[in-house]
């Protein structure tokens, strides 16, 4: 197997683990299960709090996961 693909697979698995961890770390006890899945929040504070920073990080990591999965799919088909 290609060492570049192996490295990308490892990064992909790491991203998945971090996405799961951050999703479970979100404070959604009062907002219900729907808020945990969709990322919705009823907080309207002006300052960026810890939960908003977690949500931004989670969104960035999810986009990175999708982009990396696309790169892996392309490399698997053409390498």
N, C-alpha and C. Protein backbone atom coordinates (compact mmCIF):
# COMPACT_ATOMS: atom_id res chain seq x y z
N UNK A 1 0.84 -1.18 0.00
CA UNK A 1 0.00 0.00 0.00
C UNK A 1 0.88 1.24 0.00
N UNK A 2 0.39 2.28 -0.58
CA UNK A 2 1.08 3.54 -0.70
C UNK A 2 1.25 4.18 0.69
N UNK A 3 2.47 4.61 1.05
CA UNK A 3 2.66 5.22 2.38
C UNK A 3 1.91 6.54 2.55
N UNK A 4 1.69 7.25 1.46
CA UNK A 4 0.93 8.51 1.54
C UNK A 4 -0.53 8.21 1.89
N UNK A 5 -1.10 7.18 1.26
CA UNK A 5 -2.48 6.80 1.58
C UNK A 5 -2.60 6.30 3.01
N UNK A 6 -1.60 5.57 3.48
CA UNK A 6 -1.63 5.09 4.86
C UNK A 6 -1.63 6.26 5.83
N UNK A 7 -0.82 7.27 5.55
CA UNK A 7 -0.77 8.46 6.40
C UNK A 7 -2.10 9.20 6.36
N UNK A 8 -2.69 9.32 5.18
CA UNK A 8 -3.99 10.00 5.07
C UNK A 8 -5.08 9.24 5.80
N UNK A 9 -5.04 7.90 5.75
CA UNK A 9 -6.01 7.09 6.50
C UNK A 9 -5.85 7.33 8.00
N UNK A 10 -4.62 7.41 8.47
CA UNK A 10 -4.38 7.64 9.90
C UNK A 10 -4.90 9.01 10.33
N UNK A 11 -4.65 10.03 9.50
CA UNK A 11 -5.16 11.37 9.80
C UNK A 11 -6.68 11.37 9.80
N UNK A 12 -7.27 10.64 8.86
CA UNK A 12 -8.72 10.53 8.76
C UNK A 12 -9.31 9.90 10.02
N UNK A 13 -8.71 8.83 10.49
CA UNK A 13 -9.18 8.18 11.72
C UNK A 13 -9.02 9.08 12.93
N UNK A 14 -7.94 9.84 12.98
CA UNK A 14 -7.73 10.78 14.07
C UNK A 14 -8.80 11.86 14.06
N UNK A 15 -9.11 12.37 12.88
CA UNK A 15 -10.17 13.38 12.76
C UNK A 15 -11.52 12.85 13.22
N UNK A 16 -11.83 11.62 12.84
CA UNK A 16 -13.11 11.02 13.25
C UNK A 16 -13.17 10.91 14.77
N UNK A 17 -12.09 10.46 15.39
CA UNK A 17 -12.07 10.36 16.84
C UNK A 17 -12.24 11.71 17.52
N UNK A 18 -11.57 12.74 17.00
CA UNK A 18 -11.71 14.08 17.58
C UNK A 18 -13.10 14.65 17.37
N UNK A 19 -13.70 14.38 16.21
CA UNK A 19 -15.07 14.85 15.95
C UNK A 19 -16.03 14.22 16.95
N UNK A 20 -15.89 12.93 17.18
CA UNK A 20 -16.75 12.24 18.15
C UNK A 20 -16.53 12.81 19.55
N UNK A 21 -15.28 13.02 19.93
CA UNK A 21 -14.98 13.53 21.26
C UNK A 21 -15.56 14.93 21.47
N UNK A 22 -15.38 15.82 20.51
CA UNK A 22 -15.88 17.19 20.65
C UNK A 22 -17.41 17.21 20.64
N UNK A 23 -18.02 16.36 19.83
CA UNK A 23 -19.48 16.29 19.81
C UNK A 23 -20.01 15.86 21.17
N UNK A 24 -19.37 14.89 21.78
CA UNK A 24 -19.80 14.45 23.11
C UNK A 24 -19.50 15.47 24.19
N UNK A 25 -18.50 16.34 23.97
CA UNK A 25 -18.13 17.34 24.96
C UNK A 25 -19.00 18.58 24.91
N UNK A 26 -19.83 18.72 23.88
CA UNK A 26 -20.69 19.89 23.79
C UNK A 26 -21.72 19.88 24.90
N UNK A 27 -22.01 21.04 25.44
CA UNK A 27 -22.97 21.17 26.52
C UNK A 27 -24.37 21.33 25.92
N UNK A 28 -25.08 20.24 25.76
CA UNK A 28 -26.42 20.30 25.16
C UNK A 28 -27.46 19.65 26.05
N UNK A 29 -27.21 19.59 27.36
CA UNK A 29 -28.13 18.93 28.27
C UNK A 29 -29.50 19.62 28.28
N UNK A 30 -29.50 20.94 28.25
CA UNK A 30 -30.78 21.64 28.32
C UNK A 30 -31.40 21.84 26.95
N UNK A 31 -30.67 21.58 25.90
CA UNK A 31 -31.16 21.84 24.57
C UNK A 31 -31.72 20.61 23.88
N UNK A 32 -31.51 19.43 24.42
CA UNK A 32 -32.07 18.22 23.85
C UNK A 32 -31.15 17.55 22.85
N UNK A 33 -31.55 16.38 22.42
CA UNK A 33 -30.75 15.59 21.50
C UNK A 33 -30.67 16.23 20.12
N UNK A 34 -31.74 16.90 19.69
CA UNK A 34 -31.73 17.56 18.39
C UNK A 34 -30.64 18.60 18.28
N UNK A 35 -30.38 19.33 19.35
CA UNK A 35 -29.32 20.34 19.34
C UNK A 35 -27.95 19.70 19.26
N UNK A 36 -27.80 18.53 19.87
CA UNK A 36 -26.51 17.85 19.82
C UNK A 36 -26.20 17.37 18.40
N UNK A 37 -27.22 16.97 17.68
CA UNK A 37 -27.02 16.45 16.32
C UNK A 37 -26.86 17.59 15.32
N UNK A 38 -27.72 18.60 15.42
CA UNK A 38 -27.71 19.68 14.44
C UNK A 38 -26.77 20.82 14.80
N UNK A 39 -26.36 20.90 16.06
CA UNK A 39 -25.50 22.00 16.47
C UNK A 39 -26.25 23.26 16.79
N UNK A 40 -27.57 23.20 16.89
CA UNK A 40 -28.38 24.38 17.19
C UNK A 40 -28.16 24.80 18.63
N UNK A 41 -28.31 26.09 18.87
CA UNK A 41 -28.12 26.60 20.21
C UNK A 41 -29.07 27.76 20.46
N UNK A 42 -29.52 27.88 21.70
CA UNK A 42 -30.41 28.97 22.07
C UNK A 42 -29.68 30.11 22.76
N UNK A 43 -28.37 30.11 22.74
CA UNK A 43 -27.62 31.16 23.40
C UNK A 43 -27.40 32.31 22.42
N UNK A 44 -27.63 33.52 22.92
CA UNK A 44 -27.48 34.70 22.07
C UNK A 44 -26.53 35.68 22.74
N UNK A 45 -25.41 35.22 23.17
CA UNK A 45 -24.43 36.10 23.80
C UNK A 45 -23.59 36.78 22.72
N UNK A 46 -23.11 37.97 23.06
CA UNK A 46 -22.28 38.70 22.12
C UNK A 46 -20.87 38.16 22.06
N UNK A 47 -20.32 37.78 23.20
CA UNK A 47 -18.96 37.27 23.25
C UNK A 47 -18.93 35.80 22.85
N UNK A 48 -17.80 35.40 22.29
CA UNK A 48 -17.65 34.02 21.88
C UNK A 48 -17.24 33.20 23.10
N UNK A 49 -18.13 32.31 23.53
CA UNK A 49 -17.85 31.48 24.69
C UNK A 49 -17.19 30.18 24.29
N UNK A 50 -16.98 29.36 25.28
CA UNK A 50 -16.31 28.08 25.05
C UNK A 50 -17.14 27.18 24.15
N UNK A 51 -18.45 27.15 24.35
CA UNK A 51 -19.31 26.29 23.53
C UNK A 51 -19.29 26.73 22.07
N UNK A 52 -19.29 28.04 21.82
CA UNK A 52 -19.25 28.52 20.44
C UNK A 52 -17.92 28.18 19.80
N UNK A 53 -16.84 28.26 20.58
CA UNK A 53 -15.53 27.90 20.05
C UNK A 53 -15.48 26.41 19.72
N UNK A 54 -16.10 25.58 20.57
CA UNK A 54 -16.15 24.15 20.28
C UNK A 54 -16.94 23.88 19.01
N UNK A 55 -18.04 24.61 18.83
CA UNK A 55 -18.86 24.42 17.63
C UNK A 55 -18.11 24.84 16.37
N UNK A 56 -17.36 25.94 16.45
CA UNK A 56 -16.56 26.37 15.30
C UNK A 56 -15.47 25.35 14.98
N UNK A 57 -14.81 24.85 16.01
CA UNK A 57 -13.78 23.84 15.82
C UNK A 57 -14.38 22.57 15.22
N UNK A 58 -15.54 22.18 15.71
CA UNK A 58 -16.21 20.99 15.19
C UNK A 58 -16.58 21.17 13.72
N UNK A 59 -17.08 22.35 13.37
CA UNK A 59 -17.44 22.61 11.98
C UNK A 59 -16.20 22.56 11.08
N UNK A 60 -15.11 23.15 11.53
CA UNK A 60 -13.87 23.13 10.75
C UNK A 60 -13.35 21.71 10.58
N UNK A 61 -13.42 20.92 11.65
CA UNK A 61 -12.95 19.55 11.56
C UNK A 61 -13.83 18.71 10.64
N UNK A 62 -15.13 18.95 10.65
CA UNK A 62 -16.02 18.20 9.76
C UNK A 62 -15.74 18.54 8.30
N UNK A 63 -15.53 19.82 8.00
CA UNK A 63 -15.19 20.19 6.63
C UNK A 63 -13.85 19.58 6.22
N UNK A 64 -12.90 19.56 7.14
CA UNK A 64 -11.60 18.95 6.85
C UNK A 64 -11.74 17.46 6.60
N UNK A 65 -12.61 16.80 7.36
CA UNK A 65 -12.84 15.37 7.16
C UNK A 65 -13.40 15.09 5.78
N UNK A 66 -14.38 15.90 5.36
CA UNK A 66 -14.99 15.69 4.04
C UNK A 66 -13.95 15.92 2.94
N UNK A 67 -13.16 16.98 3.07
CA UNK A 67 -12.13 17.27 2.06
C UNK A 67 -11.08 16.15 2.02
N UNK A 68 -10.67 15.68 3.18
CA UNK A 68 -9.68 14.61 3.23
C UNK A 68 -10.24 13.31 2.67
N UNK A 69 -11.50 13.02 2.95
CA UNK A 69 -12.13 11.82 2.38
C UNK A 69 -12.18 11.90 0.86
N UNK A 70 -12.43 13.09 0.32
CA UNK A 70 -12.43 13.28 -1.13
C UNK A 70 -11.05 13.03 -1.70
N UNK A 71 -10.02 13.56 -1.05
CA UNK A 71 -8.65 13.37 -1.52
C UNK A 71 -8.27 11.88 -1.48
N UNK A 72 -8.66 11.21 -0.41
CA UNK A 72 -8.38 9.77 -0.31
C UNK A 72 -9.09 9.00 -1.42
N UNK A 73 -10.34 9.34 -1.70
CA UNK A 73 -11.08 8.65 -2.75
C UNK A 73 -10.43 8.86 -4.11
N UNK A 74 -10.00 10.07 -4.39
CA UNK A 74 -9.35 10.36 -5.67
C UNK A 74 -8.03 9.61 -5.77
N UNK A 75 -7.24 9.66 -4.70
CA UNK A 75 -5.94 8.99 -4.73
C UNK A 75 -6.10 7.47 -4.83
N UNK A 76 -7.11 6.93 -4.19
CA UNK A 76 -7.33 5.48 -4.25
C UNK A 76 -7.67 5.04 -5.67
N UNK A 77 -8.43 5.86 -6.39
CA UNK A 77 -8.83 5.49 -7.74
C UNK A 77 -7.74 5.73 -8.79
N UNK A 78 -6.85 6.69 -8.56
CA UNK A 78 -5.90 7.04 -9.58
C UNK A 78 -4.45 6.71 -9.27
N UNK A 79 -4.18 6.22 -8.07
CA UNK A 79 -2.79 5.87 -7.72
C UNK A 79 -2.62 4.38 -7.71
